[in-house]
Amino acid sequence: MKRKLLFFCSTLLLFSAAGYAQVITGADRDKHGCIGSAGYTYSQLKKDCIRVFEQKIKLYQVDSTASYKAVAAVIFSTNNRKAEVFLASYKESQILIRTGKKGKYIWKKGKLELSNQNGYKLKEAKKLIYTSQ
């Protein structure tokens, strides 16, 4: 009788503990302390957690075979020499460095190139991939 009671209590305890093994919202902090489930991502320029979708400069995907259009965001450093670009196709944000002359600035890193002539345009390997218009 004691064995049956012990078995029943152990089984009940096991099943009730399994019910509480849930993921706690906000417990998914990344290495910078940003909570992904709350929409936060780390900004290298701001050195803080930000919500990409709340940024002022949004770029919209030009050519998409998917049923949705991806959105990219851009943040500039206080002196505008650097532009941080958040793209779904990159694991981390990309820091682009400004080149060119006043009025014809271009921010570059590798194959990425951001310009602001007649609206923001982002190219990858010379192909237009995002635009603000």
Protein backbone atom coordinates (compact mmCIF):
# COMPACT_ATOMS: atom_id res chain seq x y z
CA MET A 1 0.00 0.00 0.00
CA LYS A 2 2.80 2.41 0.88
CA ARG A 3 4.56 1.58 -2.38
CA LYS A 4 1.42 2.36 -4.41
CA LEU A 5 0.94 5.63 -2.57
CA LEU A 6 4.61 6.55 -3.07
CA PHE A 7 4.38 5.66 -6.78
CA PHE A 8 1.18 7.71 -7.18
CA CYS A 9 2.69 10.77 -5.43
CA SER A 10 5.92 10.51 -7.45
CA THR A 11 3.98 10.28 -10.72
CA LEU A 12 1.76 13.22 -9.74
CA LEU A 13 4.80 15.30 -8.80
CA LEU A 14 6.55 14.43 -12.07
CA PHE A 15 3.56 15.43 -14.23
CA SER A 16 2.92 18.65 -12.32
CA ALA A 17 6.61 19.64 -12.59
CA ALA A 18 6.51 19.00 -16.34
CA GLY A 19 3.61 21.44 -16.60
CA TYR A 20 5.72 24.18 -15.03
CA ALA A 21 8.72 23.65 -17.33
CA GLN A 22 7.63 26.49 -19.57
CA VAL A 23 9.81 29.18 -21.10
CA ILE A 24 9.45 32.43 -19.21
CA THR A 25 8.78 35.41 -21.48
CA GLY A 26 11.80 37.69 -21.54
CA ALA A 27 14.20 34.93 -20.55
CA ASP A 28 15.80 34.91 -24.00
CA ARG A 29 18.47 37.57 -23.50
CA ASP A 30 21.32 37.59 -25.99
CA LYS A 31 25.00 38.17 -25.13
CA HIS A 32 24.30 41.92 -24.85
CA GLY A 33 21.26 41.50 -22.61
CA CYS A 34 18.72 42.32 -25.35
CA ILE A 35 15.40 40.46 -25.13
CA GLY A 36 14.57 39.09 -28.58
CA SER A 37 11.02 38.04 -27.67
CA ALA A 38 10.27 41.70 -26.85
CA GLY A 39 11.64 42.79 -30.23
CA TYR A 40 15.00 44.07 -29.04
CA THR A 41 18.25 43.81 -30.99
CA TYR A 42 21.69 45.15 -30.11
CA SER A 43 22.88 48.30 -31.90
CA GLN A 44 26.64 48.56 -32.25
CA LEU A 45 26.46 52.33 -32.81
CA LYS A 46 24.13 53.11 -29.94
CA LYS A 47 25.70 50.45 -27.69
CA ASP A 48 22.20 49.64 -26.47
CA CYS A 49 19.21 47.43 -27.18
CA ILE A 50 16.82 48.89 -29.75
CA ARG A 51 13.68 47.87 -31.58
CA VAL A 52 14.53 47.87 -35.27
CA PHE A 53 10.90 48.36 -36.32
CA GLU A 54 10.73 51.62 -34.31
CA GLN A 55 13.61 53.30 -36.17
CA LYS A 56 12.94 56.40 -38.27
CA ILE A 57 14.68 55.25 -41.45
CA LYS A 58 13.05 52.17 -42.92
CA LEU A 59 13.97 50.60 -46.23
CA TYR A 60 11.65 48.29 -48.14
CA GLN A 61 12.72 45.26 -50.13
CA VAL A 62 12.67 45.88 -53.87
CA ASP A 63 12.49 42.41 -55.38
CA SER A 64 10.93 39.60 -53.42
CA THR A 65 9.67 36.24 -54.54
CA ALA A 66 8.14 35.73 -51.10
CA SER A 67 4.57 36.72 -50.31
CA TYR A 68 5.88 39.47 -48.02
CA LYS A 69 8.34 42.38 -48.32
CA ALA A 70 11.17 42.51 -45.81
CA VAL A 71 12.00 45.78 -44.07
CA ALA A 72 15.49 47.00 -43.20
CA ALA A 73 16.38 49.81 -40.80
CA VAL A 74 19.23 52.30 -40.79
CA ILE A 75 20.78 54.18 -37.85
CA PHE A 76 23.47 56.81 -38.26
CA SER A 77 26.24 57.77 -35.85
CA THR A 78 25.99 61.26 -34.38
CA ASN A 79 28.52 62.61 -36.93
CA ASN A 80 26.95 60.62 -39.83
CA ARG A 81 30.26 58.94 -40.65
CA LYS A 82 28.85 55.49 -39.94
CA ALA A 83 25.57 53.88 -40.85
CA GLU A 84 24.33 50.74 -39.09
CA VAL A 85 22.08 48.62 -41.29
CA PHE A 86 19.79 45.90 -39.94
CA LEU A 87 18.94 43.27 -42.57
CA ALA A 88 17.08 40.00 -42.13
CA SER A 89 19.60 38.26 -44.39
CA TYR A 90 22.52 39.08 -42.05
CA LYS A 91 23.01 37.56 -38.63
CA GLU A 92 24.22 40.86 -37.13
CA SER A 93 23.85 44.49 -38.10
CA GLN A 94 26.39 45.85 -40.57
CA ILE A 95 28.42 49.03 -40.01
CA LEU A 96 28.97 50.97 -43.22
CA ILE A 97 31.59 53.75 -43.45
CA ARG A 98 30.93 57.04 -45.26
CA THR A 99 32.90 57.96 -48.36
CA GLY A 100 32.45 60.58 -51.05
CA LYS A 101 31.88 64.33 -51.02
CA LYS A 102 29.22 66.38 -49.29
CA GLY A 103 25.89 65.93 -51.00
CA LYS A 104 27.06 62.69 -52.65
CA TYR A 105 27.91 60.57 -49.65
CA ILE A 106 27.93 56.79 -49.89
CA TRP A 107 28.28 54.43 -46.94
CA LYS A 108 30.06 51.15 -47.76
CA LYS A 109 31.09 47.82 -46.31
CA GLY A 110 32.12 44.94 -48.54
CA LYS A 111 29.34 44.38 -51.07
CA LEU A 112 26.87 46.68 -49.27
CA GLU A 113 26.46 50.29 -50.40
CA LEU A 114 23.99 52.84 -49.01
CA SER A 115 23.27 56.15 -50.75
CA ASN A 116 20.87 59.02 -50.08
CA GLN A 117 20.24 60.60 -53.45
CA ASN A 118 16.52 60.82 -54.17
CA GLY A 119 15.77 58.73 -51.10
CA TYR A 120 17.81 56.03 -49.42
CA LYS A 121 18.94 53.12 -51.58
CA LEU A 122 20.79 50.04 -50.42
CA LYS A 123 22.67 47.92 -52.92
CA GLU A 124 24.37 44.57 -52.52
CA ALA A 125 26.98 43.72 -55.15
CA LYS A 126 25.73 46.72 -57.21
CA LYS A 127 22.14 45.36 -57.24
CA LEU A 128 19.41 47.48 -55.64
CA ILE A 129 17.88 45.44 -52.81
CA TYR A 130 16.15 48.02 -50.54
CA THR A 131 14.78 51.52 -51.03
CA SER A 132 12.97 54.09 -48.90
CA GLN A 133 10.48 54.82 -51.68
